[in-house]
PDB file of N, CA and C in Angstrom:
ATOM      1  N   UNK A   1      81.947  97.986 128.809  1.00  0.00           N
ATOM      2  CA  UNK A   1      82.057  98.109 127.365  1.00  0.00           C
ATOM      3  C   UNK A   1      82.033  99.589 126.995  1.00  0.00           C
ATOM      4  N   UNK A   2      82.928  99.967 126.150  1.00  0.00           N
ATOM      5  CA  UNK A   2      82.967 101.351 125.690  1.00  0.00           C
ATOM      6  C   UNK A   2      81.964 101.557 124.561  1.00  0.00           C
ATOM      7  N   UNK A   3      81.425 102.743 124.517  1.00  0.00           N
ATOM      8  CA  UNK A   3      80.506 103.109 123.435  1.00  0.00           C
ATOM      9  C   UNK A   3      81.300 103.959 122.449  1.00  0.00           C
ATOM     10  N   UNK A   4      82.084 103.295 121.620  1.00  0.00           N
ATOM     11  CA  UNK A   4      83.060 103.976 120.785  1.00  0.00           C
ATOM     12  C   UNK A   4      82.958 103.507 119.334  1.00  0.00           C
ATOM     13  N   UNK A   5      82.450 104.384 118.474  1.00  0.00           N
ATOM     14  CA  UNK A   5      82.338 104.048 117.049  1.00  0.00           C
ATOM     15  C   UNK A   5      83.703 103.771 116.432  1.00  0.00           C
ATOM     16  N   UNK A   6      84.720 104.475 116.871  1.00  0.00           N
ATOM     17  CA  UNK A   6      86.062 104.259 116.310  1.00  0.00           C
ATOM     18  C   UNK A   6      86.552 102.840 116.584  1.00  0.00           C
ATOM     19  N   UNK A   7      86.246 102.315 117.768  1.00  0.00           N
ATOM     20  CA  UNK A   7      86.648 100.943 118.094  1.00  0.00           C
ATOM     21  C   UNK A   7      85.936  99.944 117.187  1.00  0.00           C
ATOM     22  N   UNK A   8      84.675 100.203 116.886  1.00  0.00           N
ATOM     23  CA  UNK A   8      83.924  99.337 115.969  1.00  0.00           C
ATOM     24  C   UNK A   8      84.561  99.378 114.586  1.00  0.00           C
ATOM     25  N   UNK A   9      84.848 100.569 114.118  1.00  0.00           N
ATOM     26  CA  UNK A   9      85.460 100.721 112.787  1.00  0.00           C
ATOM     27  C   UNK A   9      86.813 100.006 112.720  1.00  0.00           C
ATOM     28  N   UNK A  10      87.630 100.171 113.747  1.00  0.00           N
ATOM     29  CA  UNK A  10      88.948  99.532 113.764  1.00  0.00           C
ATOM     30  C   UNK A  10      88.823  98.013 113.771  1.00  0.00           C
ATOM     31  N   UNK A  11      87.892  97.493 114.560  1.00  0.00           N
ATOM     32  CA  UNK A  11      87.711  96.042 114.632  1.00  0.00           C
ATOM     33  C   UNK A  11      87.289  95.472 113.286  1.00  0.00           C
ATOM     34  N   UNK A  12      86.376  96.153 112.611  1.00  0.00           N
ATOM     35  CA  UNK A  12      85.912  95.664 111.311  1.00  0.00           C
ATOM     36  C   UNK A  12      87.025  95.784 110.271  1.00  0.00           C
ATOM     37  N   UNK A  13      87.810  96.847 110.341  1.00  0.00           N
ATOM     38  CA  UNK A  13      88.924  97.013 109.400  1.00  0.00           C
ATOM     39  C   UNK A  13      89.999  95.946 109.597  1.00  0.00           C
ATOM     40  N   UNK A  14      90.101  95.379 110.791  1.00  0.00           N
ATOM     41  CA  UNK A  14      91.088  94.336 111.064  1.00  0.00           C
ATOM     42  C   UNK A  14      90.625  92.951 110.619  1.00  0.00           C
ATOM     43  N   UNK A  15      89.351  92.811 110.284  1.00  0.00           N
ATOM     44  CA  UNK A  15      88.850  91.521 109.818  1.00  0.00           C
ATOM     45  C   UNK A  15      89.433  91.237 108.432  1.00  0.00           C
ATOM     46  N   UNK A  16      90.139  90.126 108.256  1.00  0.00           N
ATOM     47  CA  UNK A  16      90.808  89.856 106.977  1.00  0.00           C
ATOM     48  C   UNK A  16      89.854  89.736 105.789  1.00  0.00           C
ATOM     49  N   UNK A  17      88.714  89.122 105.984  1.00  0.00           N
ATOM     50  CA  UNK A  17      87.778  88.956 104.874  1.00  0.00           C
ATOM     51  C   UNK A  17      87.202  90.303 104.438  1.00  0.00           C
ATOM     52  N   UNK A  18      86.829  91.119 105.407  1.00  0.00           N
ATOM     53  CA  UNK A  18      86.299  92.446 105.081  1.00  0.00           C
ATOM     54  C   UNK A  18      87.370  93.297 104.407  1.00  0.00           C
ATOM     55  N   UNK A  19      88.579  93.262 104.937  1.00  0.00           N
ATOM     56  CA  UNK A  19      89.680  94.046 104.365  1.00  0.00           C
ATOM     57  C   UNK A  19      90.016  93.605 102.948  1.00  0.00           C
ATOM     58  N   UNK A  20      89.813  92.329 102.650  1.00  0.00           N
ATOM     59  CA  UNK A  20      90.094  91.825 101.301  1.00  0.00           C
ATOM     60  C   UNK A  20      89.018  92.239 100.307  1.00  0.00           C
ATOM     61  N   UNK A  21      87.815  92.487 100.799  1.00  0.00           N
ATOM     62  CA  UNK A  21      86.693  92.766  99.905  1.00  0.00           C
ATOM     63  C   UNK A  21      86.341  94.249  99.804  1.00  0.00           C
ATOM     64  N   UNK A  22      86.748  95.051 100.790  1.00  0.00           N
ATOM     65  CA  UNK A  22      86.315  96.449 100.847  1.00  0.00           C
ATOM     66  C   UNK A  22      87.503  97.380 101.077  1.00  0.00           C
ATOM     67  N   UNK A  23      87.382  98.593 100.543  1.00  0.00           N
ATOM     68  CA  UNK A  23      88.361  99.629 100.851  1.00  0.00           C
ATOM     69  C   UNK A  23      88.049 100.196 102.239  1.00  0.00           C
ATOM     70  N   UNK A  24      88.978 100.957 102.792  1.00  0.00           N
ATOM     71  CA  UNK A  24      88.738 101.571 104.098  1.00  0.00           C
ATOM     72  C   UNK A  24      87.536 102.506 104.053  1.00  0.00           C
ATOM     73  N   UNK A  25      87.391 103.228 102.968  1.00  0.00           N
ATOM     74  CA  UNK A  25      86.253 104.126 102.804  1.00  0.00           C
ATOM     75  C   UNK A  25      84.939 103.347 102.755  1.00  0.00           C
ATOM     76  N   UNK A  26      84.941 102.228 102.053  1.00  0.00           N
ATOM     77  CA  UNK A  26      83.739 101.390 101.973  1.00  0.00           C
ATOM     78  C   UNK A  26      83.390 100.803 103.341  1.00  0.00           C
ATOM     79  N   UNK A  27      84.405 100.452 104.113  1.00  0.00           N
ATOM     80  CA  UNK A  27      84.153  99.932 105.459  1.00  0.00           C
ATOM     81  C   UNK A  27      83.533 101.017 106.334  1.00  0.00           C
ATOM     82  N   UNK A  28      84.054 102.238 106.260  1.00  0.00           N
ATOM     83  CA  UNK A  28      83.467 103.342 107.023  1.00  0.00           C
ATOM     84  C   UNK A  28      82.012 103.562 106.628  1.00  0.00           C
ATOM     85  N   UNK A  29      81.727 103.525 105.338  1.00  0.00           N
ATOM     86  CA  UNK A  29      80.348 103.681 104.868  1.00  0.00           C
ATOM     87  C   UNK A  29      79.467 102.542 105.374  1.00  0.00           C
ATOM     88  N   UNK A  30      80.003 101.323 105.374  1.00  0.00           N
ATOM     89  CA  UNK A  30      79.252 100.165 105.838  1.00  0.00           C
ATOM     90  C   UNK A  30      78.920 100.304 107.326  1.00  0.00           C
ATOM     91  N   UNK A  31      79.889 100.755 108.120  1.00  0.00           N
ATOM     92  CA  UNK A  31      79.644 100.944 109.550  1.00  0.00           C
ATOM     93  C   UNK A  31      78.576 102.016 109.759  1.00  0.00           C
ATOM     94  N   UNK A  32      78.653 103.104 109.009  1.00  0.00           N
ATOM     95  CA  UNK A  32      77.619 104.139 109.098  1.00  0.00           C
ATOM     96  C   UNK A  32      76.245 103.554 108.798  1.00  0.00           C
ATOM     97  N   UNK A  33      76.158 102.747 107.750  1.00  0.00           N
ATOM     98  CA  UNK A  33      74.889 102.121 107.371  1.00  0.00           C
ATOM     99  C   UNK A  33      74.400 101.153 108.446  1.00  0.00           C
ATOM    100  N   UNK A  34      75.311 100.360 109.000  1.00  0.00           N
ATOM    101  CA  UNK A  34      74.935  99.407 110.053  1.00  0.00           C
ATOM    102  C   UNK A  34      74.437 100.127 111.305  1.00  0.00           C
ATOM    103  N   UNK A  35      75.115 101.195 111.692  1.00  0.00           N
ATOM    104  CA  UNK A  35      74.684 101.955 112.860  1.00  0.00           C
ATOM    105  C   UNK A  35      73.322 102.596 112.622  1.00  0.00           C
ATOM    106  N   UNK A  36      73.112 103.152 111.449  1.00  0.00           N
ATOM    107  CA  UNK A  36      71.829 103.780 111.136  1.00  0.00           C
ATOM    108  C   UNK A  36      70.705 102.748 111.100  1.00  0.00           C
ATOM    109  N   UNK A  37      70.966 101.594 110.508  1.00  0.00           N
ATOM    110  CA  UNK A  37      69.939 100.558 110.385  1.00  0.00           C
ATOM    111  C   UNK A  37      69.563  99.963 111.739  1.00  0.00           C
ATOM    112  N   UNK A  38      70.480 100.014 112.697  1.00  0.00           N
ATOM    113  CA  UNK A  38      70.237  99.401 114.005  1.00  0.00           C
ATOM    114  C   UNK A  38      70.100 100.429 115.120  1.00  0.00           C
ATOM    115  N   UNK A  39      69.851 101.669 114.759  1.00  0.00           N
ATOM    116  CA  UNK A  39      69.798 102.757 115.734  1.00  0.00           C
ATOM    117  C   UNK A  39      68.773 102.509 116.838  1.00  0.00           C
ATOM    118  N   UNK A  40      67.672 101.858 116.511  1.00  0.00           N
ATOM    119  CA  UNK A  40      66.644 101.591 117.521  1.00  0.00           C
ATOM    120  C   UNK A  40      67.138 100.650 118.615  1.00  0.00           C
ATOM    121  N   UNK A  41      68.167  99.884 118.345  1.00  0.00           N
ATOM    122  CA  UNK A  41      68.652  98.869 119.276  1.00  0.00           C
ATOM    123  C   UNK A  41      69.964  99.253 119.956  1.00  0.00           C
ATOM    124  N   UNK A  42      70.538 100.378 119.570  1.00  0.00           N
ATOM    125  CA  UNK A  42      71.840 100.790 120.095  1.00  0.00           C
ATOM    126  C   UNK A  42      71.691 101.941 121.081  1.00  0.00           C
ATOM    127  N   UNK A  43      72.633 102.052 121.988  1.00  0.00           N
ATOM    128  CA  UNK A  43      72.591 103.130 122.968  1.00  0.00           C
ATOM    129  C   UNK A  43      72.843 104.474 122.288  1.00  0.00           C
ATOM    130  N   UNK A  44      72.266 105.506 122.864  1.00  0.00           N
ATOM    131  CA  UNK A  44      72.447 106.856 122.331  1.00  0.00           C
ATOM    132  C   UNK A  44      73.915 107.262 122.397  1.00  0.00           C
ATOM    133  N   UNK A  45      74.641 106.767 123.411  1.00  0.00           N
ATOM    134  CA  UNK A  45      76.060 107.099 123.552  1.00  0.00           C
ATOM    135  C   UNK A  45      76.866 106.612 122.355  1.00  0.00           C
ATOM    136  N   UNK A  46      76.497 105.459 121.823  1.00  0.00           N
ATOM    137  CA  UNK A  46      77.215 104.908 120.677  1.00  0.00           C
ATOM    138  C   UNK A  46      76.909 105.692 119.409  1.00  0.00           C
ATOM    139  N   UNK A  47      75.724 106.236 119.320  1.00  0.00           N
ATOM    140  CA  UNK A  47      75.302 106.921 118.102  1.00  0.00           C
ATOM    141  C   UNK A  47      75.748 108.374 118.049  1.00  0.00           C
ATOM    142  N   UNK A  48      76.252 108.906 119.160  1.00  0.00           N
ATOM    143  CA  UNK A  48      76.697 110.312 119.176  1.00  0.00           C
ATOM    144  C   UNK A  48      77.992 110.485 118.450  1.00  0.00           C
TER     145      UNK A  48
END
């Protein structure tokens, strides 16, 4: 598994429900918030 924030962002942007409800900027902000909220459980490589 790759530790790639861009891959996470792309996957979430491809979700039809998320894309219908959020702008690309809002999705990026949401991913930032999700990563920050779960930092204790994620690898350091993913958070860099």
